[in-house]
Amino acid sequence: MQLNLNDGGEPVKPKIAVVIGSGGIKPACAIPLFEFLETSGINIDLLIGCSGGAIVAAMHGFGYNSAGIADLFSNHLTKSLFSHIDYRTLLGIAKMPLCRFDKTRGILKPQRLMDVLKKIFKNSSFESMKIPTLVQVTDVDTGEGALINSGDIASAVYASAAQFPFFPPIKIGNRWYVDGAYSSPLPVLEAVNRSYDVIIAVAIEQQLKTESKSFIEYLHHFISRSYTSTQKKQMALAIDMHHHEIVVINMHFDELINMWDVDKMPVIIETGRRIIEKKKAEISAAIENFKNKKR
């Protein structure tokens, strides 16, 4: 392979960003992408994650390898994290006496999830990241998106994945944050605005063919469809604005996979492996195309 050189005689190396979108535990399908990039000697210069994608991006940015990320999902992100109901919140929804609305509470109590995240990230700050990482969140009071890349990792990742009203917002600094997917489910524009040369975007799509069987399930499906619609619009804008290379990897899931369905982790990873296999040539070509433009 011919190396293209810059003015200083050094090989031209594009700045590469990997963006992982929301989708519960399904963003773990990005694990085979990390494996491919590592074996190909392709370094990631920036990771950006949203919601479940923030968990995966932060794990990789923190230094966990592919096998380690899969083990963390299987061993720690279990159904028990989503079974600690806050009955005071439910009574408040029903407007029962002495139970007032409180935005610091959700249908589920967050402490178990927060404890797991603190354990995974060892109570560390973003300064400990091996790869620079940005986490997409949403300001619950303004609806505006924001990015966190400093302070406590666990708190930022929790905020990015806290799908209100299931999980309550968290206060970071003087602002209250919830799920980043409410503002930008696939924050590709953040990589575009930072002028990265090659952007690899992992988009999670779940297309269910069955009817919802409960109110909660219907609400979850509606939120997911809203995320997908927003994601497509923002992706189209990002492609129109970007002057180098964007590789979009659409991860399609035809079955319902909840956040706690860790038993389906082999299916998630195998789906990612199958789709990444088809995208390897496109990723490599995007990097070469950038080098040729800079020749």
Protein backbone atom coordinates (compact mmCIF):
# COMPACT_ATOMS: atom_id res chain seq x y z
CA MET A 1 0.00 0.00 0.00
CA GLN A 2 1.37 3.40 -0.99
CA LEU A 3 1.69 5.88 1.87
CA ASN A 4 0.65 9.46 1.20
CA LEU A 5 2.88 12.04 2.88
CA ASN A 6 2.20 15.46 4.30
CA ASP A 7 4.49 18.46 3.85
CA GLY A 8 6.74 17.21 6.64
CA GLY A 9 7.26 13.85 4.99
CA GLU A 10 5.06 12.01 7.50
CA PRO A 11 2.23 9.67 6.42
CA VAL A 12 -1.14 11.41 6.32
CA LYS A 13 -3.26 10.10 9.17
CA PRO A 14 -6.93 11.05 9.36
CA LYS A 15 -8.55 11.95 12.67
CA ILE A 16 -11.08 9.20 13.30
CA ALA A 17 -14.21 9.50 15.44
CA VAL A 18 -16.55 6.65 16.36
CA VAL A 19 -20.11 7.61 17.30
CA ILE A 20 -22.39 5.04 18.97
CA GLY A 21 -26.11 5.75 19.17
CA SER A 22 -28.78 4.91 21.72
CA GLY A 23 -30.51 1.56 22.00
CA GLY A 24 -30.46 -0.04 25.46
CA ILE A 25 -27.91 -2.87 25.50
CA LYS A 26 -28.03 -3.26 21.72
CA PRO A 27 -25.11 -0.81 21.19
CA ALA A 28 -22.92 -3.66 22.43
CA CYS A 29 -23.11 -4.70 18.77
CA ALA A 30 -20.26 -2.19 18.29
CA ILE A 31 -17.85 -4.58 19.99
CA PRO A 32 -16.89 -6.27 16.67
CA LEU A 33 -16.15 -2.80 15.25
CA PHE A 34 -13.59 -2.22 18.01
CA GLU A 35 -12.06 -5.62 17.26
CA PHE A 36 -11.75 -4.84 13.55
CA LEU A 37 -10.21 -1.42 14.08
CA GLU A 38 -7.70 -2.81 16.58
CA THR A 39 -6.60 -5.72 14.39
CA SER A 40 -6.32 -3.33 11.41
CA GLY A 41 -4.10 -0.94 13.33
CA ILE A 42 -6.67 1.86 13.07
CA ASN A 43 -6.62 4.12 16.12
CA ILE A 44 -9.72 5.91 17.39
CA ASP A 45 -9.10 9.58 18.18
CA LEU A 46 -12.53 10.33 19.66
CA LEU A 47 -15.47 8.34 20.99
CA ILE A 48 -18.96 9.84 21.27
CA GLY A 49 -21.81 7.88 22.83
CA CYS A 50 -25.47 8.40 23.63
CA SER A 51 -27.59 6.46 26.13
CA GLY A 52 -26.70 2.75 25.80
CA GLY A 53 -24.10 3.84 23.27
CA ALA A 54 -22.56 6.08 25.95
CA ILE A 55 -22.11 3.04 28.20
CA VAL A 56 -20.29 1.14 25.42
CA ALA A 57 -18.22 4.15 24.31
CA ALA A 58 -17.19 4.98 27.88
CA MET A 59 -16.23 1.37 28.59
CA HIS A 60 -13.99 1.27 25.53
CA GLY A 61 -12.62 4.74 26.20
CA PHE A 62 -11.84 3.72 29.78
CA GLY A 63 -9.71 0.85 28.53
CA TYR A 64 -11.89 -2.29 28.60
CA ASN A 65 -11.25 -4.64 25.70
CA SER A 66 -14.00 -6.26 23.66
CA ALA A 67 -14.30 -9.37 25.83
CA GLY A 68 -14.32 -7.21 28.94
CA ILE A 69 -17.19 -5.05 27.66
CA ALA A 70 -19.29 -8.12 26.86
CA ASP A 71 -18.62 -9.57 30.33
CA LEU A 72 -19.57 -6.30 32.03
CA PHE A 73 -22.91 -6.26 30.26
CA SER A 74 -23.62 -9.91 31.03
CA ASN A 75 -22.52 -9.84 34.65
CA HIS A 76 -23.58 -6.39 35.85
CA LEU A 77 -26.37 -4.89 33.71
CA THR A 78 -28.93 -7.44 34.85
CA LYS A 79 -32.71 -7.28 35.22
CA SER A 80 -32.38 -6.57 38.96
CA LEU A 81 -31.25 -3.02 38.13
CA PHE A 82 -34.66 -2.34 36.61
CA SER A 83 -36.90 -3.91 39.25
CA HIS A 84 -36.49 -1.47 42.17
CA ILE A 85 -39.76 0.44 41.80
CA ASP A 86 -40.25 3.79 43.50
CA TYR A 87 -43.85 3.47 44.70
CA ARG A 88 -43.85 7.03 45.98
CA THR A 89 -43.52 8.18 42.37
CA LEU A 90 -46.42 5.98 41.28
CA LEU A 91 -48.57 7.35 44.10
CA GLY A 92 -47.58 10.85 43.03
CA ILE A 93 -48.70 10.14 39.47
CA ALA A 94 -52.04 9.04 40.90
CA LYS A 95 -52.13 12.29 42.95
CA MET A 96 -52.56 10.43 46.19
CA PRO A 97 -52.58 12.56 49.37
CA LEU A 98 -49.14 13.69 50.64
CA CYS A 99 -47.46 12.50 47.41
CA ARG A 100 -46.33 15.47 45.34
CA PHE A 101 -44.52 15.58 42.02
CA ASP A 102 -40.75 15.55 42.39
CA LYS A 103 -38.52 15.67 39.29
CA THR A 104 -35.68 14.06 41.25
CA ARG A 105 -37.59 10.77 41.32
CA GLY A 106 -38.57 8.30 38.63
CA ILE A 107 -40.61 5.13 38.33
CA LEU A 108 -37.44 3.18 39.12
CA LYS A 109 -34.95 3.93 41.87
CA PRO A 110 -31.52 4.69 40.34
CA GLN A 111 -29.15 3.71 43.15
CA ARG A 112 -28.46 0.13 42.02
CA LEU A 113 -27.63 1.28 38.47
CA MET A 114 -25.45 4.10 39.77
CA ASP A 115 -23.58 1.71 42.07
CA VAL A 116 -22.86 -0.63 39.16
CA LEU A 117 -21.61 2.21 36.97
CA LYS A 118 -19.35 3.49 39.75
CA LYS A 119 -17.94 -0.02 40.10
CA ILE A 120 -17.38 -0.39 36.36
CA PHE A 121 -15.62 2.97 36.07
CA LYS A 122 -13.89 2.67 39.46
CA ASN A 123 -15.16 6.07 40.67
CA SER A 124 -12.87 7.66 38.07
CA SER A 125 -13.10 10.94 36.18
CA PHE A 126 -12.88 11.55 32.44
CA GLU A 127 -9.22 12.44 32.88
CA SER A 128 -8.63 8.68 33.29
CA MET A 129 -9.94 7.87 29.82
CA LYS A 130 -7.48 6.12 27.49
CA ILE A 131 -9.37 7.54 24.49
CA PRO A 132 -11.04 10.99 24.60
CA THR A 133 -14.75 10.37 25.13
CA LEU A 134 -17.85 12.58 24.94
CA VAL A 135 -21.20 11.63 26.46
CA GLN A 136 -24.45 13.05 25.05
CA VAL A 137 -27.05 14.17 27.60
CA THR A 138 -30.21 16.30 27.58
CA ASP A 139 -30.99 19.20 29.90
CA VAL A 140 -34.36 18.22 31.37
CA ASP A 141 -35.38 21.86 32.00
CA THR A 142 -34.57 23.26 28.55
CA GLY A 143 -34.66 20.18 26.31
CA GLU A 144 -31.28 21.18 24.88
CA GLY A 145 -28.54 18.67 24.24
CA ALA A 146 -25.16 18.87 25.96
CA LEU A 147 -21.90 16.95 26.00
CA ILE A 148 -19.99 15.89 29.08
CA ASN A 149 -16.27 15.10 28.99
CA SER A 150 -15.16 16.02 32.51
CA GLY A 151 -15.97 15.06 36.06
CA ASP A 152 -17.29 11.70 37.27
CA ILE A 153 -17.69 9.14 34.46
CA ALA A 154 -20.43 7.14 36.17
CA SER A 155 -22.63 10.20 36.73
CA ALA A 156 -22.32 11.32 33.10
CA VAL A 157 -23.02 7.83 31.73
CA TYR A 158 -26.02 7.45 34.05
CA ALA A 159 -27.37 10.80 32.85
CA SER A 160 -26.97 9.80 29.20
CA ALA A 161 -28.90 6.55 29.77
CA ALA A 162 -31.54 7.84 32.23
CA GLN A 163 -34.71 7.50 30.17
CA PHE A 164 -37.22 9.66 32.02
CA PRO A 165 -39.78 8.90 33.48
CA PHE A 166 -38.37 5.43 34.11
CA PHE A 167 -35.17 6.76 35.70
CA PRO A 168 -34.96 10.19 37.33
CA PRO A 169 -32.71 13.03 36.16
CA ILE A 170 -29.34 13.60 37.82
CA LYS A 171 -27.86 16.93 38.82
CA ILE A 172 -24.38 17.61 37.45
CA GLY A 173 -23.07 21.05 38.28
CA ASN A 174 -26.15 23.25 38.37
CA ARG A 175 -28.12 21.45 35.66
CA TRP A 176 -30.40 18.41 35.63
CA TYR A 177 -29.76 15.86 32.88
CA VAL A 178 -31.57 12.89 31.38
CA ASP A 179 -31.22 10.53 28.41
CA GLY A 180 -29.16 12.08 25.62
CA ALA A 181 -31.39 10.41 23.04
CA TYR A 182 -34.11 12.98 23.72
CA SER A 183 -31.89 15.59 22.03
CA SER A 184 -29.48 13.62 19.80
CA PRO A 185 -29.81 9.81 19.67
CA LEU A 186 -26.85 9.54 17.28
CA PRO A 187 -24.65 12.62 17.88
CA VAL A 188 -22.79 12.57 14.57
CA LEU A 189 -23.05 16.34 14.25
CA GLU A 190 -20.77 16.68 17.27
CA ALA A 191 -17.99 14.88 15.39
CA VAL A 192 -18.69 16.98 12.28
CA ASN A 193 -18.50 20.22 14.27
CA ARG A 194 -15.12 19.13 15.63
CA SER A 195 -13.82 18.57 12.08
CA TYR A 196 -12.97 14.88 12.32
CA ASP A 197 -11.86 13.47 9.00
CA VAL A 198 -13.42 9.99 9.09
CA ILE A 199 -16.55 9.43 11.17
CA ILE A 200 -17.87 5.92 11.81
CA ALA A 201 -21.46 6.10 13.06
CA VAL A 202 -23.16 3.06 14.62
CA ALA A 203 -26.94 3.52 14.37
CA ILE A 204 -29.26 1.15 16.21
CA GLU A 205 -32.60 0.39 14.58
CA GLN A 206 -35.26 -1.87 16.08
CA GLN A 207 -38.18 -2.59 13.78
CA LEU A 208 -40.80 -4.60 15.62
CA LYS A 209 -43.54 -6.45 13.77
CA THR A 210 -45.61 -7.28 16.86
CA GLU A 211 -48.16 -5.15 18.69
CA SER A 212 -47.38 -3.76 22.14
CA LYS A 213 -48.89 -5.79 24.96
CA SER A 214 -48.86 -3.18 27.72
CA PHE A 215 -48.87 0.56 28.32
CA ILE A 216 -45.20 0.58 29.35
CA GLU A 217 -44.21 -1.46 26.29
CA TYR A 218 -46.20 0.85 24.01
CA LEU A 219 -44.56 3.92 25.58
CA HIS A 220 -41.12 2.37 25.16
CA HIS A 221 -41.82 1.59 21.49
CA PHE A 222 -43.12 5.11 20.86
CA ILE A 223 -40.00 6.66 22.40
CA SER A 224 -37.79 4.36 20.30
CA ARG A 225 -39.60 5.34 17.10
CA SER A 226 -39.21 9.02 17.99
CA TYR A 227 -35.48 8.51 18.51
CA THR A 228 -35.18 6.80 15.12
CA SER A 229 -36.96 9.66 13.35
CA THR A 230 -34.74 12.29 14.98
CA GLN A 231 -31.66 10.21 14.26
CA LYS A 232 -32.40 10.02 10.52
CA LYS A 233 -32.93 13.78 10.25
CA GLN A 234 -29.72 14.62 12.11
CA MET A 235 -27.76 12.07 10.08
CA ALA A 236 -28.94 13.60 6.81
CA LEU A 237 -27.83 17.03 8.01
CA ALA A 238 -24.45 15.68 9.14
CA ILE A 239 -23.79 14.06 5.76
CA ASP A 240 -24.72 17.30 3.99
CA MET A 241 -22.35 19.32 6.19
CA HIS A 242 -19.36 16.97 6.30
CA HIS A 243 -16.63 17.37 3.69
CA HIS A 244 -14.72 14.15 4.28
CA GLU A 245 -15.92 10.62 5.04
CA ILE A 246 -18.88 9.34 7.08
CA VAL A 247 -19.46 5.60 7.28
CA VAL A 248 -22.93 4.79 8.60
CA ILE A 249 -23.36 1.31 10.08
CA ASN A 250 -27.06 0.51 10.48
CA MET A 251 -27.56 -2.24 13.05
CA HIS A 252 -31.02 -3.71 12.43
CA PHE A 253 -32.82 -5.74 15.10
CA ASP A 254 -36.13 -7.39 14.27
CA GLU A 255 -36.86 -8.70 17.77
CA LEU A 256 -37.55 -6.91 21.02
CA ILE A 257 -34.41 -6.67 23.16
CA ASN A 258 -34.85 -4.89 26.48
CA MET A 259 -32.06 -3.29 28.49
CA TRP A 260 -32.09 -6.22 30.92
CA ASP A 261 -32.08 -9.02 28.31
CA VAL A 262 -28.42 -9.85 28.88
CA ASP A 263 -29.12 -13.45 27.84
CA LYS A 264 -29.40 -12.07 24.29
CA MET A 265 -25.87 -10.68 24.35
CA PRO A 266 -24.59 -13.43 21.97
CA VAL A 267 -27.32 -12.45 19.47
CA ILE A 268 -26.41 -8.77 19.78
CA ILE A 269 -22.69 -9.37 19.24
CA GLU A 270 -23.27 -11.82 16.38
CA THR A 271 -25.55 -9.27 14.67
CA GLY A 272 -22.78 -6.69 15.01
CA ARG A 273 -20.17 -9.12 13.71
CA ARG A 274 -22.24 -10.00 10.65
CA ILE A 275 -22.90 -6.36 9.74
CA ILE A 276 -19.35 -5.16 10.46
CA GLU A 277 -18.02 -7.90 8.18
CA LYS A 278 -19.95 -6.29 5.33
CA LYS A 279 -18.67 -2.83 6.26
CA LYS A 280 -14.95 -3.52 6.62
CA ALA A 281 -14.12 -2.63 3.02
CA GLU A 282 -16.12 0.60 3.23
CA ILE A 283 -14.33 1.67 6.43
CA SER A 284 -10.92 0.97 4.93
CA ALA A 285 -11.88 2.77 1.71
CA ALA A 286 -13.04 5.84 3.65
CA ILE A 287 -9.63 6.11 5.30
CA GLU A 288 -7.83 5.67 1.99
CA ASN A 289 -10.09 8.20 0.27
CA PHE A 290 -9.14 10.79 2.86
CA LYS A 291 -5.45 10.05 2.36
CA ASN A 292 -5.85 10.43 -1.40
CA LYS A 293 -7.56 13.80 -0.97
CA LYS A 294 -4.65 14.96 1.19
CA ARG A 295 -1.98 13.65 -1.17
